[in-house]
Full PDB file with SEQRES, HELIX, SHEET, SSBOND, CRYST1, ORIGX, SCALE, CONECT and MASTER records, all heavy atoms in Angstrom:
SEQRES   1 A   38  GLU GLN ALA GLU PHE LEU LYS LYS LYS LYS ILE THR ALA          
SEQRES   2 A   38  PHE ALA TYR GLU THR VAL GLN THR GLU ASP GLY SER LEU          
SEQRES   3 A   38  PRO LEU LEU SER PRO MET SER GLU VAL ALA GLY ARG              
HELIX    1 AA1 GLN A    2  LYS A    8  1                                   7    
HELIX    2 AA2 TYR A   16  THR A   18  5                                   3    
HELIX    3 AA3 SER A   30  GLY A   37  1                                   8    
CRYST1    1.000    1.000    1.000  90.00  90.00  90.00 P 1           1          
ORIGX1      1.000000  0.000000  0.000000        0.00000                         
ORIGX2      0.000000  1.000000  0.000000        0.00000                         
ORIGX3      0.000000  0.000000  1.000000        0.00000                         
SCALE1      1.000000  0.000000  0.000000        0.00000                         
SCALE2      0.000000  1.000000  0.000000        0.00000                         
SCALE3      0.000000  0.000000  1.000000        0.00000                         
ATOM      1  N   GLU A   1     160.304  93.146  87.388  1.00  0.00           N  
ATOM      2  CA  GLU A   1     160.968  93.038  86.085  1.00  0.00           C  
ATOM      3  C   GLU A   1     161.123  94.424  85.451  1.00  0.00           C  
ATOM      4  O   GLU A   1     162.208  94.831  84.916  1.00  0.00           O  
ATOM      5  CB  GLU A   1     160.198  92.124  85.117  1.00  0.00           C  
ATOM      6  CG  GLU A   1     160.865  91.990  83.768  1.00  0.00           C  
ATOM      7  CD  GLU A   1     160.043  91.138  82.776  1.00  0.00           C  
ATOM      8  OE1 GLU A   1     158.937  90.737  83.160  1.00  0.00           O  
ATOM      9  OE2 GLU A   1     160.540  90.885  81.677  1.00  0.00           O  
ATOM     10  N   GLN A   2     160.110  95.197  85.487  1.00  0.00           N  
ATOM     11  CA  GLN A   2     160.162  96.550  84.960  1.00  0.00           C  
ATOM     12  C   GLN A   2     161.112  97.443  85.728  1.00  0.00           C  
ATOM     13  O   GLN A   2     161.875  98.182  85.162  1.00  0.00           O  
ATOM     14  CB  GLN A   2     158.756  97.212  84.910  1.00  0.00           C  
ATOM     15  CG  GLN A   2     158.734  98.584  84.203  1.00  0.00           C  
ATOM     16  CD  GLN A   2     157.531  99.403  84.520  1.00  0.00           C  
ATOM     17  OE1 GLN A   2     157.504 100.585  84.116  1.00  0.00           O  
ATOM     18  NE2 GLN A   2     156.585  98.896  85.205  1.00  0.00           N  
ATOM     19  N   ALA A   3     161.104  97.286  87.075  1.00  0.00           N  
ATOM     20  CA  ALA A   3     161.998  98.064  87.902  1.00  0.00           C  
ATOM     21  C   ALA A   3     163.417  97.775  87.572  1.00  0.00           C  
ATOM     22  O   ALA A   3     164.272  98.686  87.479  1.00  0.00           O  
ATOM     23  CB  ALA A   3     161.744  97.798  89.416  1.00  0.00           C  
ATOM     24  N   GLU A   4     163.762  96.508  87.350  1.00  0.00           N  
ATOM     25  CA  GLU A   4     165.147  96.149  86.958  1.00  0.00           C  
ATOM     26  C   GLU A   4     165.527  96.746  85.616  1.00  0.00           C  
ATOM     27  O   GLU A   4     166.675  97.231  85.453  1.00  0.00           O  
ATOM     28  CB  GLU A   4     165.299  94.593  86.921  1.00  0.00           C  
ATOM     29  CG  GLU A   4     165.358  93.915  88.232  1.00  0.00           C  
ATOM     30  CD  GLU A   4     166.676  94.262  88.988  1.00  0.00           C  
ATOM     31  OE1 GLU A   4     167.624  94.420  88.326  1.00  0.00           O  
ATOM     32  OE2 GLU A   4     166.552  94.351  90.205  1.00  0.00           O  
ATOM     33  N   PHE A   5     164.599  96.773  84.652  1.00  0.00           N  
ATOM     34  CA  PHE A   5     164.893  97.390  83.384  1.00  0.00           C  
ATOM     35  C   PHE A   5     165.107  98.840  83.531  1.00  0.00           C  
ATOM     36  O   PHE A   5     166.102  99.387  82.929  1.00  0.00           O  
ATOM     37  CB  PHE A   5     163.628  97.166  82.434  1.00  0.00           C  
ATOM     38  CG  PHE A   5     163.518  98.194  81.398  1.00  0.00           C  
ATOM     39  CD1 PHE A   5     164.444  98.283  80.342  1.00  0.00           C  
ATOM     40  CD2 PHE A   5     162.434  99.101  81.384  1.00  0.00           C  
ATOM     41  CE1 PHE A   5     164.334  99.257  79.361  1.00  0.00           C  
ATOM     42  CE2 PHE A   5     162.331 100.080  80.496  1.00  0.00           C  
ATOM     43  CZ  PHE A   5     163.286 100.172  79.416  1.00  0.00           C  
ATOM     44  N   LEU A   6     164.273  99.544  84.289  1.00  0.00           N  
ATOM     45  CA  LEU A   6     164.463 101.025  84.502  1.00  0.00           C  
ATOM     46  C   LEU A   6     165.776 101.337  85.167  1.00  0.00           C  
ATOM     47  O   LEU A   6     166.448 102.320  84.834  1.00  0.00           O  
ATOM     48  CB  LEU A   6     163.278 101.566  85.219  1.00  0.00           C  
ATOM     49  CG  LEU A   6     161.921 101.515  84.523  1.00  0.00           C  
ATOM     50  CD1 LEU A   6     160.818 101.921  85.534  1.00  0.00           C  
ATOM     51  CD2 LEU A   6     161.912 102.322  83.300  1.00  0.00           C  
ATOM     52  N   LYS A   7     166.143 100.466  86.155  1.00  0.00           N  
ATOM     53  CA  LYS A   7     167.433 100.682  86.820  1.00  0.00           C  
ATOM     54  C   LYS A   7     168.569 100.427  85.866  1.00  0.00           C  
ATOM     55  O   LYS A   7     169.570 101.219  85.835  1.00  0.00           O  
ATOM     56  CB  LYS A   7     167.516  99.706  88.026  1.00  0.00           C  
ATOM     57  CG  LYS A   7     166.811 100.184  89.224  1.00  0.00           C  
ATOM     58  CD  LYS A   7     166.632  99.072  90.240  1.00  0.00           C  
ATOM     59  CE  LYS A   7     167.924  98.440  90.668  1.00  0.00           C  
ATOM     60  NZ  LYS A   7     168.821  99.344  91.402  1.00  0.00           N  
ATOM     61  N   LYS A   8     168.569  99.354  85.182  1.00  0.00           N  
ATOM     62  CA  LYS A   8     169.673  99.011  84.282  1.00  0.00           C  
ATOM     63  C   LYS A   8     169.849 100.088  83.175  1.00  0.00           C  
ATOM     64  O   LYS A   8     171.025 100.399  82.839  1.00  0.00           O  
ATOM     65  CB  LYS A   8     169.354  97.656  83.588  1.00  0.00           C  
ATOM     66  CG  LYS A   8     170.487  97.103  82.720  1.00  0.00           C  
ATOM     67  CD  LYS A   8     170.179  95.776  82.132  1.00  0.00           C  
ATOM     68  CE  LYS A   8     171.293  95.215  81.260  1.00  0.00           C  
ATOM     69  NZ  LYS A   8     171.007  93.879  80.735  1.00  0.00           N  
ATOM     70  N   LYS A   9     168.781 100.578  82.605  1.00  0.00           N  
ATOM     71  CA  LYS A   9     168.886 101.586  81.569  1.00  0.00           C  
ATOM     72  C   LYS A   9     169.012 103.024  82.121  1.00  0.00           C  
ATOM     73  O   LYS A   9     169.166 103.967  81.330  1.00  0.00           O  
ATOM     74  CB  LYS A   9     167.599 101.554  80.660  1.00  0.00           C  
ATOM     75  CG  LYS A   9     167.594 100.489  79.534  1.00  0.00           C  
ATOM     76  CD  LYS A   9     168.539 100.899  78.463  1.00  0.00           C  
ATOM     77  CE  LYS A   9     168.462  99.882  77.327  1.00  0.00           C  
ATOM     78  NZ  LYS A   9     167.387 100.087  76.321  1.00  0.00           N  
ATOM     79  N   LYS A  10     169.069 103.127  83.453  1.00  0.00           N  
ATOM     80  CA  LYS A  10     169.237 104.412  84.099  1.00  0.00           C  
ATOM     81  C   LYS A  10     168.171 105.453  83.593  1.00  0.00           C  
ATOM     82  O   LYS A  10     168.450 106.591  83.401  1.00  0.00           O  
ATOM     83  CB  LYS A  10     170.573 104.971  83.968  1.00  0.00           C  
ATOM     84  CG  LYS A  10     171.683 104.033  84.596  1.00  0.00           C  
ATOM     85  CD  LYS A  10     173.080 104.620  84.489  1.00  0.00           C  
ATOM     86  CE  LYS A  10     174.092 103.666  85.157  1.00  0.00           C  
ATOM     87  NZ  LYS A  10     175.435 104.198  85.049  1.00  0.00           N  
ATOM     88  N   ILE A  11     166.931 104.917  83.492  1.00  0.00           N  
ATOM     89  CA  ILE A  11     165.838 105.761  83.029  1.00  0.00           C  
ATOM     90  C   ILE A  11     165.438 106.723  84.177  1.00  0.00           C  
ATOM     91  O   ILE A  11     165.251 106.340  85.282  1.00  0.00           O  
ATOM     92  CB  ILE A  11     164.622 104.907  82.592  1.00  0.00           C  
ATOM     93  CG1 ILE A  11     164.984 103.929  81.444  1.00  0.00           C  
ATOM     94  CG2 ILE A  11     163.443 105.772  82.193  1.00  0.00           C  
ATOM     95  CD1 ILE A  11     165.414 104.601  80.173  1.00  0.00           C  
ATOM     96  N   THR A  12     165.212 107.963  83.827  1.00  0.00           N  
ATOM     97  CA  THR A  12     164.602 108.938  84.734  1.00  0.00           C  
ATOM     98  C   THR A  12     163.105 108.769  84.596  1.00  0.00           C  
ATOM     99  O   THR A  12     162.509 109.250  83.641  1.00  0.00           O  
ATOM    100  CB  THR A  12     165.042 110.386  84.399  1.00  0.00           C  
ATOM    101  OG1 THR A  12     166.511 110.486  84.512  1.00  0.00           O  
ATOM    102  CG2 THR A  12     164.351 111.366  85.320  1.00  0.00           C  
ATOM    103  N   ALA A  13     162.513 108.090  85.514  1.00  0.00           N  
ATOM    104  CA  ALA A  13     161.107 107.683  85.392  1.00  0.00           C  
ATOM    105  C   ALA A  13     160.150 108.368  86.383  1.00  0.00           C  
ATOM    106  O   ALA A  13     160.332 108.185  87.630  1.00  0.00           O  
ATOM    107  CB  ALA A  13     160.924 106.181  85.487  1.00  0.00           C  
ATOM    108  N   PHE A  14     159.278 109.219  85.901  1.00  0.00           N  
ATOM    109  CA  PHE A  14     158.196 109.817  86.696  1.00  0.00           C  
ATOM    110  C   PHE A  14     156.970 108.988  86.602  1.00  0.00           C  
ATOM    111  O   PHE A  14     156.449 108.808  85.437  1.00  0.00           O  
ATOM    112  CB  PHE A  14     157.974 111.244  86.239  1.00  0.00           C  
ATOM    113  CG  PHE A  14     159.037 112.211  86.626  1.00  0.00           C  
ATOM    114  CD1 PHE A  14     160.019 112.526  85.715  1.00  0.00           C  
ATOM    115  CD2 PHE A  14     158.998 112.843  87.881  1.00  0.00           C  
ATOM    116  CE1 PHE A  14     161.004 113.502  86.035  1.00  0.00           C  
ATOM    117  CE2 PHE A  14     160.008 113.776  88.199  1.00  0.00           C  
ATOM    118  CZ  PHE A  14     161.019 114.099  87.316  1.00  0.00           C  
ATOM    119  N   ALA A  15     156.442 108.590  87.726  1.00  0.00           N  
ATOM    120  CA  ALA A  15     155.165 107.753  87.695  1.00  0.00           C  
ATOM    121  C   ALA A  15     154.010 108.639  88.080  1.00  0.00           C  
ATOM    122  O   ALA A  15     154.007 109.298  89.131  1.00  0.00           O  
ATOM    123  CB  ALA A  15     155.295 106.638  88.712  1.00  0.00           C  
ATOM    124  N   TYR A  16     152.999 108.689  87.233  1.00  0.00           N  
ATOM    125  CA  TYR A  16     151.777 109.464  87.505  1.00  0.00           C  
ATOM    126  C   TYR A  16     151.250 109.201  88.889  1.00  0.00           C  
ATOM    127  O   TYR A  16     150.727 110.103  89.569  1.00  0.00           O  
ATOM    128  CB  TYR A  16     150.722 109.191  86.466  1.00  0.00           C  
ATOM    129  CG  TYR A  16     150.993 109.571  85.053  1.00  0.00           C  
ATOM    130  CD1 TYR A  16     150.229 109.057  83.978  1.00  0.00           C  
ATOM    131  CD2 TYR A  16     152.028 110.468  84.708  1.00  0.00           C  
ATOM    132  CE1 TYR A  16     150.492 109.403  82.684  1.00  0.00           C  
ATOM    133  CE2 TYR A  16     152.246 110.830  83.372  1.00  0.00           C  
ATOM    134  CZ  TYR A  16     151.503 110.259  82.364  1.00  0.00           C  
ATOM    135  OH  TYR A  16     151.724 110.576  81.029  1.00  0.00           O  
ATOM    136  N   GLU A  17     151.258 107.873  89.248  1.00  0.00           N  
ATOM    137  CA  GLU A  17     150.502 107.514  90.421  1.00  0.00           C  
ATOM    138  C   GLU A  17     151.180 107.848  91.738  1.00  0.00           C  
ATOM    139  O   GLU A  17     150.574 107.737  92.802  1.00  0.00           O  
ATOM    140  CB  GLU A  17     150.226 105.983  90.375  1.00  0.00           C  
ATOM    141  CG  GLU A  17     151.417 105.109  90.670  1.00  0.00           C  
ATOM    142  CD  GLU A  17     152.269 104.784  89.426  1.00  0.00           C  
ATOM    143  OE1 GLU A  17     152.009 105.376  88.318  1.00  0.00           O  
ATOM    144  OE2 GLU A  17     153.205 103.993  89.491  1.00  0.00           O  
ATOM    145  N   THR A  18     152.479 108.328  91.698  1.00  0.00           N  
ATOM    146  CA  THR A  18     153.043 108.708  92.958  1.00  0.00           C  
ATOM    147  C   THR A  18     153.296 110.265  93.062  1.00  0.00           C  
ATOM    148  O   THR A  18     153.883 110.684  94.091  1.00  0.00           O  
ATOM    149  CB  THR A  18     154.356 107.955  93.215  1.00  0.00           C  
ATOM    150  OG1 THR A  18     155.319 108.224  92.176  1.00  0.00           O  
ATOM    151  CG2 THR A  18     154.153 106.482  93.272  1.00  0.00           C  
ATOM    152  N   VAL A  19     152.970 111.006  92.061  1.00  0.00           N  
ATOM    153  CA  VAL A  19     153.030 112.465  92.165  1.00  0.00           C  
ATOM    154  C   VAL A  19     151.992 112.832  93.244  1.00  0.00           C  
ATOM    155  O   VAL A  19     150.852 112.426  93.162  1.00  0.00           O  
ATOM    156  CB  VAL A  19     152.687 113.192  90.828  1.00  0.00           C  
ATOM    157  CG1 VAL A  19     152.559 114.650  91.065  1.00  0.00           C  
ATOM    158  CG2 VAL A  19     153.742 112.867  89.827  1.00  0.00           C  
ATOM    159  N   GLN A  20     152.413 113.569  94.242  1.00  0.00           N  
ATOM    160  CA  GLN A  20     151.502 113.745  95.442  1.00  0.00           C  
ATOM    161  C   GLN A  20     151.608 115.176  95.911  1.00  0.00           C  
ATOM    162  O   GLN A  20     152.661 115.730  96.032  1.00  0.00           O  
ATOM    163  CB  GLN A  20     151.921 112.796  96.546  1.00  0.00           C  
ATOM    164  CG  GLN A  20     150.942 112.677  97.704  1.00  0.00           C  
ATOM    165  CD  GLN A  20     151.237 111.532  98.608  1.00  0.00           C  
ATOM    166  OE1 GLN A  20     152.108 110.737  98.354  1.00  0.00           O  
ATOM    167  NE2 GLN A  20     150.492 111.430  99.687  1.00  0.00           N  
ATOM    168  N   THR A  21     150.444 115.769  96.180  1.00  0.00           N  
ATOM    169  CA  THR A  21     150.428 117.127  96.698  1.00  0.00           C  
ATOM    170  C   THR A  21     150.653 117.175  98.220  1.00  0.00           C  
ATOM    171  O   THR A  21     150.607 116.152  98.891  1.00  0.00           O  
ATOM    172  CB  THR A  21     149.101 117.852  96.325  1.00  0.00           C  
ATOM    173  OG1 THR A  21     148.030 117.100  96.937  1.00  0.00           O  
ATOM    174  CG2 THR A  21     148.848 117.892  94.810  1.00  0.00           C  
ATOM    175  N   GLU A  22     150.786 118.377  98.770  1.00  0.00           N  
ATOM    176  CA  GLU A  22     151.084 118.551 100.155  1.00  0.00           C  
ATOM    177  C   GLU A  22     149.947 117.963 101.003  1.00  0.00           C  
ATOM    178  O   GLU A  22     150.187 117.457 102.138  1.00  0.00           O  
ATOM    179  CB  GLU A  22     151.258 120.013 100.479  1.00  0.00           C  
ATOM    180  CG  GLU A  22     151.733 120.279 101.900  1.00  0.00           C  
ATOM    181  CD  GLU A  22     152.035 121.779 102.156  1.00  0.00           C  
ATOM    182  OE1 GLU A  22     151.912 122.554 101.204  1.00  0.00           O  
ATOM    183  OE2 GLU A  22     152.341 122.103 103.304  1.00  0.00           O  
ATOM    184  N   ASP A  23     148.686 117.988 100.569  1.00  0.00           N  
ATOM    185  CA  ASP A  23     147.581 117.440 101.386  1.00  0.00           C  
ATOM    186  C   ASP A  23     147.389 115.954 101.228  1.00  0.00           C  
ATOM    187  O   ASP A  23     146.456 115.366 101.738  1.00  0.00           O  
ATOM    188  CB  ASP A  23     146.297 118.234 101.022  1.00  0.00           C  
ATOM    189  CG  ASP A  23     145.833 117.952  99.570  1.00  0.00           C  
ATOM    190  OD1 ASP A  23     146.475 117.181  98.851  1.00  0.00           O  
ATOM    191  OD2 ASP A  23     144.823 118.554  99.207  1.00  0.00           O  
ATOM    192  N   GLY A  24     148.336 115.283 100.464  1.00  0.00           N  
ATOM    193  CA  GLY A  24     148.281 113.837 100.321  1.00  0.00           C  
ATOM    194  C   GLY A  24     147.508 113.372  99.110  1.00  0.00           C  
ATOM    195  O   GLY A  24     147.461 112.161  98.836  1.00  0.00           O  
ATOM    196  N   SER A  25     146.896 114.264  98.325  1.00  0.00           N  
ATOM    197  CA  SER A  25     146.115 113.866  97.178  1.00  0.00           C  
ATOM    198  C   SER A  25     147.050 113.460  95.993  1.00  0.00           C  
ATOM    199  O   SER A  25     148.196 113.870  95.957  1.00  0.00           O  
ATOM    200  CB  SER A  25     145.104 114.960  96.765  1.00  0.00           C  
ATOM    201  OG  SER A  25     145.816 116.067  96.351  1.00  0.00           O  
ATOM    202  N   LEU A  26     146.477 112.673  95.104  1.00  0.00           N  
ATOM    203  CA  LEU A  26     147.226 112.180  93.962  1.00  0.00           C  
ATOM    204  C   LEU A  26     146.677 112.702  92.711  1.00  0.00           C  
ATOM    205  O   LEU A  26     145.807 112.067  92.071  1.00  0.00           O  
ATOM    206  CB  LEU A  26     147.221 110.634  93.972  1.00  0.00           C  
ATOM    207  CG  LEU A  26     147.755 109.972  95.276  1.00  0.00           C  
ATOM    208  CD1 LEU A  26     147.364 108.543  95.323  1.00  0.00           C  
ATOM    209  CD2 LEU A  26     149.232 110.206  95.464  1.00  0.00           C  
ATOM    210  N   PRO A  27     147.052 113.888  92.217  1.00  0.00           N  
ATOM    211  CA  PRO A  27     146.351 114.566  91.167  1.00  0.00           C  
ATOM    212  C   PRO A  27     146.405 113.819  89.828  1.00  0.00           C  
ATOM    213  O   PRO A  27     145.487 114.021  89.003  1.00  0.00           O  
ATOM    214  CB  PRO A  27     147.117 115.894  91.071  1.00  0.00           C  
ATOM    215  CG  PRO A  27     148.457 115.650  91.660  1.00  0.00           C  
ATOM    216  CD  PRO A  27     148.190 114.638  92.694  1.00  0.00           C  
ATOM    217  N   LEU A  28     147.441 113.008  89.553  1.00  0.00           N  
ATOM    218  CA  LEU A  28     147.488 112.314  88.263  1.00  0.00           C  
ATOM    219  C   LEU A  28     146.865 110.918  88.287  1.00  0.00           C  
ATOM    220  O   LEU A  28     146.718 110.335  87.285  1.00  0.00           O  
ATOM    221  CB  LEU A  28     148.972 112.276  87.756  1.00  0.00           C  
ATOM    222  CG  LEU A  28     149.693 113.603  87.682  1.00  0.00           C  
ATOM    223  CD1 LEU A  28     151.040 113.427  87.041  1.00  0.00           C  
ATOM    224  CD2 LEU A  28     148.867 114.663  86.940  1.00  0.00           C  
ATOM    225  N   LEU A  29     146.582 110.478  89.489  1.00  0.00           N  
ATOM    226  CA  LEU A  29     145.877 109.196  89.649  1.00  0.00           C  
ATOM    227  C   LEU A  29     144.385 109.395  89.739  1.00  0.00           C  
ATOM    228  O   LEU A  29     143.550 108.581  89.284  1.00  0.00           O  
ATOM    229  CB  LEU A  29     146.354 108.480  90.864  1.00  0.00           C  
ATOM    230  CG  LEU A  29     145.912 107.070  91.016  1.00  0.00           C  
ATOM    231  CD1 LEU A  29     146.341 106.125  89.915  1.00  0.00           C  
ATOM    232  CD2 LEU A  29     146.383 106.464  92.355  1.00  0.00           C  
ATOM    233  N   SER A  30     144.004 110.551  90.303  1.00  0.00           N  
ATOM    234  CA  SER A  30     142.579 110.786  90.608  1.00  0.00           C  
ATOM    235  C   SER A  30     141.670 110.662  89.350  1.00  0.00           C  
ATOM    236  O   SER A  30     140.585 110.054  89.479  1.00  0.00           O  
ATOM    237  CB  SER A  30     142.394 112.185  91.208  1.00  0.00           C  
ATOM    238  OG  SER A  30     142.964 112.204  92.521  1.00  0.00           O  
ATOM    239  N   PRO A  31     142.018 111.251  88.192  1.00  0.00           N  
ATOM    240  CA  PRO A  31     141.099 111.157  87.083  1.00  0.00           C  
ATOM    241  C   PRO A  31     140.782 109.681  86.684  1.00  0.00           C  
ATOM    242  O   PRO A  31     139.644 109.339  86.367  1.00  0.00           O  
ATOM    243  CB  PRO A  31     141.863 111.837  85.919  1.00  0.00           C  
ATOM    244  CG  PRO A  31     142.736 112.761  86.670  1.00  0.00           C  
ATOM    245  CD  PRO A  31     143.220 112.063  87.868  1.00  0.00           C  
ATOM    246  N   MET A  32     141.840 108.803  86.711  1.00  0.00           N  
ATOM    247  CA  MET A  32     141.610 107.403  86.321  1.00  0.00           C  
ATOM    248  C   MET A  32     140.928 106.642  87.432  1.00  0.00           C  
ATOM    249  O   MET A  32     140.265 105.666  87.233  1.00  0.00           O  
ATOM    250  CB  MET A  32     142.921 106.725  85.899  1.00  0.00           C  
ATOM    251  CG  MET A  32     143.570 107.306  84.669  1.00  0.00           C  
ATOM    252  SD  MET A  32     142.471 107.312  83.198  1.00  0.00           S  
ATOM    253  CE  MET A  32     141.708 108.938  83.325  1.00  0.00           C  
ATOM    254  N   SER A  33     141.152 107.088  88.664  1.00  0.00           N  
ATOM    255  CA  SER A  33     140.447 106.433  89.815  1.00  0.00           C  
ATOM    256  C   SER A  33     138.968 106.703  89.716  1.00  0.00           C  
ATOM    257  O   SER A  33     138.142 105.824  90.001  1.00  0.00           O  
ATOM    258  CB  SER A  33     140.956 106.977  91.128  1.00  0.00           C  
ATOM    259  OG  SER A  33     142.336 106.646  91.410  1.00  0.00           O  
ATOM    260  N   GLU A  34     138.604 107.894  89.266  1.00  0.00           N  
ATOM    261  CA  GLU A  34     137.198 108.250  89.108  1.00  0.00           C  
ATOM    262  C   GLU A  34     136.559 107.359  88.002  1.00  0.00           C  
ATOM    263  O   GLU A  34     135.486 106.821  88.167  1.00  0.00           O  
ATOM    264  CB  GLU A  34     137.042 109.722  88.738  1.00  0.00           C  
ATOM    265  CG  GLU A  34     137.403 110.631  89.919  1.00  0.00           C  
ATOM    266  CD  GLU A  34     137.622 112.095  89.463  1.00  0.00           C  
ATOM    267  OE1 GLU A  34     137.505 112.348  88.253  1.00  0.00           O  
ATOM    268  OE2 GLU A  34     137.974 112.908  90.350  1.00  0.00           O  
ATOM    269  N   VAL A  35     137.286 107.221  86.898  1.00  0.00           N  
ATOM    270  CA  VAL A  35     136.835 106.404  85.786  1.00  0.00           C  
ATOM    271  C   VAL A  35     136.709 104.937  86.226  1.00  0.00           C  
ATOM    272  O   VAL A  35     135.695 104.314  86.020  1.00  0.00           O  
ATOM    273  CB  VAL A  35     137.726 106.573  84.551  1.00  0.00           C  
ATOM    274  CG1 VAL A  35     137.342 105.493  83.480  1.00  0.00           C  
ATOM    275  CG2 VAL A  35     137.693 107.969  83.984  1.00  0.00           C  
ATOM    276  N   ALA A  36     137.790 104.445  86.840  1.00  0.00           N  
ATOM    277  CA  ALA A  36     137.773 102.991  87.181  1.00  0.00           C  
ATOM    278  C   ALA A  36     136.731 102.681  88.243  1.00  0.00           C  
ATOM    279  O   ALA A  36     136.108 101.646  88.210  1.00  0.00           O  
ATOM    280  CB  ALA A  36     139.210 102.581  87.716  1.00  0.00           C  
ATOM    281  N   GLY A  37     136.512 103.631  89.190  1.00  0.00           N  
ATOM    282  CA  GLY A  37     135.508 103.365  90.190  1.00  0.00           C  
ATOM    283  C   GLY A  37     134.128 103.307  89.634  1.00  0.00           C  
ATOM    284  O   GLY A  37     133.353 102.383  89.957  1.00  0.00           O  
ATOM    285  N   ARG A  38     133.775 104.169  88.695  1.00  0.00           N  
ATOM    286  CA  ARG A  38     132.469 104.113  88.068  1.00  0.00           C  
ATOM    287  C   ARG A  38     132.398 102.907  87.166  1.00  0.00           C  
ATOM    288  O   ARG A  38     131.302 102.254  87.107  1.00  0.00           O  
ATOM    289  CB  ARG A  38     132.241 105.418  87.295  1.00  0.00           C  
ATOM    290  CG  ARG A  38     132.199 106.667  88.228  1.00  0.00           C  
ATOM    291  CD  ARG A  38     131.909 107.980  87.529  1.00  0.00           C  
ATOM    292  NE  ARG A  38     132.039 109.062  88.469  1.00  0.00           N  
ATOM    293  CZ  ARG A  38     131.247 110.141  88.467  1.00  0.00           C  
ATOM    294  NH1 ARG A  38     130.317 110.274  87.503  1.00  0.00           N  
ATOM    295  NH2 ARG A  38     131.431 111.079  89.404  1.00  0.00           N  
TER     296      ARG A  38                                                      
MASTER        0    0    0    3    0    0    0    6  295    1    0    3          
END                                                                             
């Protein structure tokens, strides 16, 4: 549902959880992964 909304409104959407470095790490997801894991 959200994907359809973003497509319809032609939103330029950057998702924290898919920003990825060359070594495969997810720098914007890692801080919340640490919190959620604990």
